[in-house]
Amino acid sequence: PGKLCQAVGINRTLNRWDVTLGQKLWLEATAPIPDGAIETGPRVGINFATPADQQAPWRHWIRGNRFVSKG
């Protein structure tokens, strides 16, 4: 969540802001991302999960994006 907020410029001034209101903060569709540019891998920092869940490919990112946490 921290890297996502950095990537889209969200800071604490928007804490508790309702994205469904579509005012200060909203979600919108962007240009499609080519399938070959999407990477997957295991999530980071879930040592409490079962081994199968720790290794499941539940993490997705765009190749080369500078806001992706190190695995």
PDB file of N, CA and C in Angstrom:
ATOM      1  N   PRO A   1       0.806  -1.216   0.000  1.00  0.00           N
ATOM      2  CA  PRO A   1       0.000   0.000   0.000  1.00  0.00           C
ATOM      3  C   PRO A   1       0.843   1.272   0.000  1.00  0.00           C
ATOM      4  N   GLY A   2       1.991   1.264   0.692  1.00  0.00           N
ATOM      5  CA  GLY A   2       2.825   2.457   0.748  1.00  0.00           C
ATOM      6  C   GLY A   2       3.380   2.835  -0.621  1.00  0.00           C
ATOM      7  N   LYS A   3       3.865   1.860  -1.358  1.00  0.00           N
ATOM      8  CA  LYS A   3       4.407   2.132  -2.698  1.00  0.00           C
ATOM      9  C   LYS A   3       3.297   2.570  -3.653  1.00  0.00           C
ATOM     10  N   LEU A   4       2.116   1.976  -3.528  1.00  0.00           N
ATOM     11  CA  LEU A   4       0.988   2.390  -4.362  1.00  0.00           C
ATOM     12  C   LEU A   4       0.639   3.849  -4.099  1.00  0.00           C
ATOM     13  N   CYS A   5       0.580   4.222  -2.827  1.00  0.00           N
ATOM     14  CA  CYS A   5       0.270   5.614  -2.483  1.00  0.00           C
ATOM     15  C   CYS A   5       1.334   6.563  -3.021  1.00  0.00           C
ATOM     16  N   GLN A   6       2.599   6.189  -2.941  1.00  0.00           N
ATOM     17  CA  GLN A   6       3.664   7.018  -3.511  1.00  0.00           C
ATOM     18  C   GLN A   6       3.479   7.163  -5.019  1.00  0.00           C
ATOM     19  N   ALA A   7       3.143   6.067  -5.678  1.00  0.00           N
ATOM     20  CA  ALA A   7       3.028   6.074  -7.136  1.00  0.00           C
ATOM     21  C   ALA A   7       1.914   6.999  -7.620  1.00  0.00           C
ATOM     22  N   VAL A   8       0.826   7.080  -6.881  1.00  0.00           N
ATOM     23  CA  VAL A   8      -0.307   7.892  -7.335  1.00  0.00           C
ATOM     24  C   VAL A   8      -0.476   9.186  -6.547  1.00  0.00           C
ATOM     25  N   GLY A   9       0.504   9.494  -5.701  1.00  0.00           N
ATOM     26  CA  GLY A   9       0.501  10.786  -5.006  1.00  0.00           C
ATOM     27  C   GLY A   9      -0.493  10.909  -3.871  1.00  0.00           C
ATOM     28  N   ILE A  10      -0.812   9.797  -3.221  1.00  0.00           N
ATOM     29  CA  ILE A  10      -1.727   9.849  -2.080  1.00  0.00           C
ATOM     30  C   ILE A  10      -0.904  10.065  -0.817  1.00  0.00           C
ATOM     31  N   ASN A  11      -1.292  11.066  -0.023  1.00  0.00           N
ATOM     32  CA  ASN A  11      -0.621  11.288   1.259  1.00  0.00           C
ATOM     33  C   ASN A  11      -1.666  11.320   2.367  1.00  0.00           C
ATOM     34  N   ARG A  12      -1.247  11.618   3.571  1.00  0.00           N
ATOM     35  CA  ARG A  12      -2.153  11.526   4.721  1.00  0.00           C
ATOM     36  C   ARG A  12      -3.265  12.572   4.723  1.00  0.00           C
ATOM     37  N   THR A  13      -3.167  13.585   3.884  1.00  0.00           N
ATOM     38  CA  THR A  13      -4.257  14.558   3.827  1.00  0.00           C
ATOM     39  C   THR A  13      -5.536  13.913   3.287  1.00  0.00           C
ATOM     40  N   LEU A  14      -5.397  12.746   2.655  1.00  0.00           N
ATOM     41  CA  LEU A  14      -6.567  12.052   2.110  1.00  0.00           C
ATOM     42  C   LEU A  14      -7.033  10.896   2.991  1.00  0.00           C
ATOM     43  N   ASN A  15      -6.477  10.747   4.195  1.00  0.00           N
ATOM     44  CA  ASN A  15      -6.940   9.694   5.100  1.00  0.00           C
ATOM     45  C   ASN A  15      -8.446   9.804   5.298  1.00  0.00           C
ATOM     46  N   ARG A  16      -9.105   8.666   5.242  1.00  0.00           N
ATOM     47  CA  ARG A  16     -10.545   8.542   5.447  1.00  0.00           C
ATOM     48  C   ARG A  16     -11.387   9.180   4.339  1.00  0.00           C
ATOM     49  N   TRP A  17     -10.768   9.591   3.244  1.00  0.00           N
ATOM     50  CA  TRP A  17     -11.531  10.152   2.140  1.00  0.00           C
ATOM     51  C   TRP A  17     -12.223   9.020   1.393  1.00  0.00           C
ATOM     52  N   ASP A  18     -13.477   9.197   1.066  1.00  0.00           N
ATOM     53  CA  ASP A  18     -14.287   8.163   0.408  1.00  0.00           C
ATOM     54  C   ASP A  18     -14.105   8.243  -1.109  1.00  0.00           C
ATOM     55  N   VAL A  19     -13.447   7.233  -1.695  1.00  0.00           N
ATOM     56  CA  VAL A  19     -13.209   7.245  -3.140  1.00  0.00           C
ATOM     57  C   VAL A  19     -14.501   7.102  -3.935  1.00  0.00           C
ATOM     58  N   THR A  20     -15.569   6.624  -3.296  1.00  0.00           N
ATOM     59  CA  THR A  20     -16.833   6.466  -4.026  1.00  0.00           C
ATOM     60  C   THR A  20     -17.534   7.805  -4.255  1.00  0.00           C
ATOM     61  N   LEU A  21     -17.071   8.858  -3.590  1.00  0.00           N
ATOM     62  CA  LEU A  21     -17.686  10.171  -3.793  1.00  0.00           C
ATOM     63  C   LEU A  21     -17.207  10.827  -5.087  1.00  0.00           C
ATOM     64  N   GLY A  22     -16.027  10.421  -5.583  1.00  0.00           N
ATOM     65  CA  GLY A  22     -15.508  10.945  -6.836  1.00  0.00           C
ATOM     66  C   GLY A  22     -15.143  12.413  -6.791  1.00  0.00           C
ATOM     67  N   GLN A  23     -14.695  12.901  -5.650  1.00  0.00           N
ATOM     68  CA  GLN A  23     -14.355  14.315  -5.522  1.00  0.00           C
ATOM     69  C   GLN A  23     -12.845  14.509  -5.491  1.00  0.00           C
ATOM     70  N   LYS A  24     -12.230  14.470  -4.326  1.00  0.00           N
ATOM     71  CA  LYS A  24     -10.782  14.677  -4.231  1.00  0.00           C
ATOM     72  C   LYS A  24      -9.993  13.485  -4.749  1.00  0.00           C
ATOM     73  N   LEU A  25     -10.520  12.314  -4.559  1.00  0.00           N
ATOM     74  CA  LEU A  25      -9.814  11.077  -4.886  1.00  0.00           C
ATOM     75  C   LEU A  25     -10.791  10.145  -5.573  1.00  0.00           C
ATOM     76  N   TRP A  26     -10.384   9.563  -6.712  1.00  0.00           N
ATOM     77  CA  TRP A  26     -11.272   8.657  -7.419  1.00  0.00           C
ATOM     78  C   TRP A  26     -10.446   7.645  -8.191  1.00  0.00           C
ATOM     79  N   LEU A  27     -11.111   6.625  -8.659  1.00  0.00           N
ATOM     80  CA  LEU A  27     -10.490   5.595  -9.485  1.00  0.00           C
ATOM     81  C   LEU A  27     -11.041   5.742 -10.892  1.00  0.00           C
ATOM     82  N   GLU A  28     -10.188   5.563 -11.873  1.00  0.00           N
ATOM     83  CA  GLU A  28     -10.651   5.641 -13.257  1.00  0.00           C
ATOM     84  C   GLU A  28      -9.879   4.660 -14.117  1.00  0.00           C
ATOM     85  N   ALA A  29     -10.492   4.275 -15.210  1.00  0.00           N
ATOM     86  CA  ALA A  29      -9.859   3.344 -16.137  1.00  0.00           C
ATOM     87  C   ALA A  29      -8.722   4.048 -16.871  1.00  0.00           C
ATOM     88  N   THR A  30      -7.698   3.290 -17.196  1.00  0.00           N
ATOM     89  CA  THR A  30      -6.574   3.819 -17.970  1.00  0.00           C
ATOM     90  C   THR A  30      -6.397   2.962 -19.216  1.00  0.00           C
ATOM     91  N   ALA A  31      -5.385   3.263 -19.970  1.00  0.00           N
ATOM     92  CA  ALA A  31      -5.089   2.471 -21.166  1.00  0.00           C
ATOM     93  C   ALA A  31      -4.787   1.031 -20.761  1.00  0.00           C
ATOM     94  N   PRO A  32      -5.178   0.065 -21.567  1.00  0.00           N
ATOM     95  CA  PRO A  32      -4.889  -1.333 -21.252  1.00  0.00           C
ATOM     96  C   PRO A  32      -3.383  -1.596 -21.175  1.00  0.00           C
ATOM     97  N   ILE A  33      -3.024  -2.534 -20.342  1.00  0.00           N
ATOM     98  CA  ILE A  33      -1.625  -2.927 -20.173  1.00  0.00           C
ATOM     99  C   ILE A  33      -1.426  -4.246 -20.918  1.00  0.00           C
ATOM    100  N   PRO A  34      -0.448  -4.326 -21.809  1.00  0.00           N
ATOM    101  CA  PRO A  34      -0.223  -5.575 -22.543  1.00  0.00           C
ATOM    102  C   PRO A  34       0.073  -6.738 -21.584  1.00  0.00           C
ATOM    103  N   ASP A  35      -0.468  -7.911 -21.882  1.00  0.00           N
ATOM    104  CA  ASP A  35      -0.263  -9.082 -21.030  1.00  0.00           C
ATOM    105  C   ASP A  35       1.208  -9.357 -20.758  1.00  0.00           C
ATOM    106  N   GLY A  36       2.060  -9.179 -21.716  1.00  0.00           N
ATOM    107  CA  GLY A  36       3.478  -9.461 -21.530  1.00  0.00           C
ATOM    108  C   GLY A  36       4.173  -8.530 -20.554  1.00  0.00           C
ATOM    109  N   ALA A  37       3.530  -7.425 -20.192  1.00  0.00           N
ATOM    110  CA  ALA A  37       4.136  -6.458 -19.280  1.00  0.00           C
ATOM    111  C   ALA A  37       3.764  -6.722 -17.826  1.00  0.00           C
ATOM    112  N   ILE A  38       2.841  -7.647 -17.584  1.00  0.00           N
ATOM    113  CA  ILE A  38       2.389  -7.934 -16.222  1.00  0.00           C
ATOM    114  C   ILE A  38       3.200  -9.094 -15.655  1.00  0.00           C
ATOM    115  N   GLU A  39       3.780  -8.871 -14.483  1.00  0.00           N
ATOM    116  CA  GLU A  39       4.552  -9.910 -13.795  1.00  0.00           C
ATOM    117  C   GLU A  39       3.761 -10.377 -12.574  1.00  0.00           C
ATOM    118  N   THR A  40       4.012 -11.589 -12.145  1.00  0.00           N
ATOM    119  CA  THR A  40       3.376 -12.124 -10.942  1.00  0.00           C
ATOM    120  C   THR A  40       4.426 -12.781 -10.069  1.00  0.00           C
ATOM    121  N   GLY A  41       4.106 -12.900  -8.803  1.00  0.00           N
ATOM    122  CA  GLY A  41       4.996 -13.565  -7.869  1.00  0.00           C
ATOM    123  C   GLY A  41       4.342 -13.669  -6.514  1.00  0.00           C
ATOM    124  N   PRO A  42       5.047 -14.264  -5.548  1.00  0.00           N
ATOM    125  CA  PRO A  42       4.471 -14.389  -4.212  1.00  0.00           C
ATOM    126  C   PRO A  42       4.426 -13.040  -3.504  1.00  0.00           C
ATOM    127  N   ARG A  43       3.460 -12.887  -2.609  1.00  0.00           N
ATOM    128  CA  ARG A  43       3.365 -11.669  -1.821  1.00  0.00           C
ATOM    129  C   ARG A  43       4.548 -11.566  -0.876  1.00  0.00           C
ATOM    130  N   VAL A  44       4.817 -10.353  -0.419  1.00  0.00           N
ATOM    131  CA  VAL A  44       5.950 -10.075   0.459  1.00  0.00           C
ATOM    132  C   VAL A  44       5.442  -9.856   1.882  1.00  0.00           C
ATOM    133  N   GLY A  45       6.139 -10.398   2.869  1.00  0.00           N
ATOM    134  CA  GLY A  45       5.841 -10.117   4.266  1.00  0.00           C
ATOM    135  C   GLY A  45       4.634 -10.830   4.828  1.00  0.00           C
ATOM    136  N   ILE A  46       4.341 -12.028   4.354  1.00  0.00           N
ATOM    137  CA  ILE A  46       3.220 -12.777   4.925  1.00  0.00           C
ATOM    138  C   ILE A  46       3.728 -14.095   5.517  1.00  0.00           C
ATOM    139  N   ASN A  47       4.760 -14.005   6.322  1.00  0.00           N
ATOM    140  CA  ASN A  47       5.361 -15.195   6.927  1.00  0.00           C
ATOM    141  C   ASN A  47       4.386 -15.974   7.801  1.00  0.00           C
ATOM    142  N   PHE A  48       3.311 -15.339   8.250  1.00  0.00           N
ATOM    143  CA  PHE A  48       2.325 -15.986   9.105  1.00  0.00           C
ATOM    144  C   PHE A  48       1.422 -16.938   8.309  1.00  0.00           C
ATOM    145  N   ALA A  49       1.394 -16.804   6.997  1.00  0.00           N
ATOM    146  CA  ALA A  49       0.507 -17.621   6.150  1.00  0.00           C
ATOM    147  C   ALA A  49       1.067 -19.025   5.973  1.00  0.00           C
ATOM    148  N   THR A  50       0.226 -19.910   5.476  1.00  0.00           N
ATOM    149  CA  THR A  50       0.680 -21.271   5.202  1.00  0.00           C
ATOM    150  C   THR A  50       1.728 -21.217   4.090  1.00  0.00           C
ATOM    151  N   PRO A  51       2.613 -22.207   4.012  1.00  0.00           N
ATOM    152  CA  PRO A  51       3.628 -22.206   2.950  1.00  0.00           C
ATOM    153  C   PRO A  51       3.017 -22.085   1.549  1.00  0.00           C
ATOM    154  N   ALA A  52       1.899 -22.761   1.309  1.00  0.00           N
ATOM    155  CA  ALA A  52       1.266 -22.682  -0.016  1.00  0.00           C
ATOM    156  C   ALA A  52       0.797 -21.254  -0.306  1.00  0.00           C
ATOM    157  N   ASP A  53       0.218 -20.596   0.695  1.00  0.00           N
ATOM    158  CA  ASP A  53      -0.238 -19.216   0.499  1.00  0.00           C
ATOM    159  C   ASP A  53       0.937 -18.251   0.366  1.00  0.00           C
ATOM    160  N   GLN A  54       2.027 -18.519   1.056  1.00  0.00           N
ATOM    161  CA  GLN A  54       3.208 -17.658   0.953  1.00  0.00           C
ATOM    162  C   GLN A  54       3.769 -17.659  -0.465  1.00  0.00           C
ATOM    163  N   GLN A  55       3.677 -18.788  -1.146  1.00  0.00           N
ATOM    164  CA  GLN A  55       4.255 -18.927  -2.481  1.00  0.00           C
ATOM    165  C   GLN A  55       3.254 -18.703  -3.613  1.00  0.00           C
ATOM    166  N   ALA A  56       1.979 -18.520  -3.275  1.00  0.00           N
ATOM    167  CA  ALA A  56       0.954 -18.321  -4.314  1.00  0.00           C
ATOM    168  C   ALA A  56       1.224 -17.025  -5.085  1.00  0.00           C
ATOM    169  N   PRO A  57       0.975 -17.006  -6.370  1.00  0.00           N
ATOM    170  CA  PRO A  57       1.240 -15.815  -7.193  1.00  0.00           C
ATOM    171  C   PRO A  57       0.144 -14.757  -7.040  1.00  0.00           C
ATOM    172  N   TRP A  58       0.041 -14.179  -5.851  1.00  0.00           N
ATOM    173  CA  TRP A  58      -0.999 -13.194  -5.544  1.00  0.00           C
ATOM    174  C   TRP A  58      -0.491 -11.765  -5.662  1.00  0.00           C
ATOM    175  N   ARG A  59       0.683 -11.588  -6.160  1.00  0.00           N
ATOM    176  CA  ARG A  59       1.268 -10.253  -6.306  1.00  0.00           C
ATOM    177  C   ARG A  59       1.444  -9.984  -7.794  1.00  0.00           C
ATOM    178  N   HIS A  60       0.958  -8.847  -8.246  1.00  0.00           N
ATOM    179  CA  HIS A  60       1.021  -8.491  -9.660  1.00  0.00           C
ATOM    180  C   HIS A  60       1.594  -7.098  -9.797  1.00  0.00           C
ATOM    181  N   TRP A  61       2.423  -6.898 -10.828  1.00  0.00           N
ATOM    182  CA  TRP A  61       3.001  -5.581 -11.070  1.00  0.00           C
ATOM    183  C   TRP A  61       3.355  -5.448 -12.543  1.00  0.00           C
ATOM    184  N   ILE A  62       3.593  -4.223 -12.944  1.00  0.00           N
ATOM    185  CA  ILE A  62       3.998  -3.950 -14.321  1.00  0.00           C
ATOM    186  C   ILE A  62       5.526  -3.958 -14.372  1.00  0.00           C
ATOM    187  N   ARG A  63       6.065  -4.760 -15.246  1.00  0.00           N
ATOM    188  CA  ARG A  63       7.523  -4.906 -15.367  1.00  0.00           C
ATOM    189  C   ARG A  63       8.194  -3.540 -15.489  1.00  0.00           C
ATOM    190  N   GLY A  64       9.230  -3.326 -14.678  1.00  0.00           N
ATOM    191  CA  GLY A  64       9.998  -2.101 -14.740  1.00  0.00           C
ATOM    192  C   GLY A  64       9.436  -0.937 -13.953  1.00  0.00           C
ATOM    193  N   ASN A  65       8.298  -1.113 -13.284  1.00  0.00           N
ATOM    194  CA  ASN A  65       7.701  -0.009 -12.525  1.00  0.00           C
ATOM    195  C   ASN A  65       8.562   0.276 -11.304  1.00  0.00           C
ATOM    196  N   ARG A  66       8.962   1.524 -11.125  1.00  0.00           N
ATOM    197  CA  ARG A  66       9.874   1.883 -10.032  1.00  0.00           C
ATOM    198  C   ARG A  66       9.221   1.899  -8.660  1.00  0.00           C
ATOM    199  N   PHE A  67       7.896   1.787  -8.613  1.00  0.00           N
ATOM    200  CA  PHE A  67       7.205   1.820  -7.325  1.00  0.00           C
ATOM    201  C   PHE A  67       6.948   0.430  -6.747  1.00  0.00           C
ATOM    202  N   VAL A  68       7.411  -0.624  -7.400  1.00  0.00           N
ATOM    203  CA  VAL A  68       7.201  -1.967  -6.905  1.00  0.00           C
ATOM    204  C   VAL A  68       8.213  -2.274  -5.810  1.00  0.00           C
ATOM    205  N   SER A  69       7.707  -2.790  -4.671  1.00  0.00           N
ATOM    206  CA  SER A  69       8.585  -3.167  -3.559  1.00  0.00           C
ATOM    207  C   SER A  69       9.500  -4.298  -3.983  1.00  0.00           C
ATOM    208  N   LYS A  70      10.676  -4.339  -3.394  1.00  0.00           N
ATOM    209  CA  LYS A  70      11.588  -5.443  -3.653  1.00  0.00           C
ATOM    210  C   LYS A  70      11.040  -6.716  -3.018  1.00  0.00           C
ATOM    211  N   GLY A  71      11.111  -7.806  -3.728  1.00  0.00           N
ATOM    212  CA  GLY A  71      10.587  -9.079  -3.234  1.00  0.00           C
ATOM    213  C   GLY A  71      11.450  -9.725  -2.205  1.00  0.00           C
TER     214      GLY A  71
END
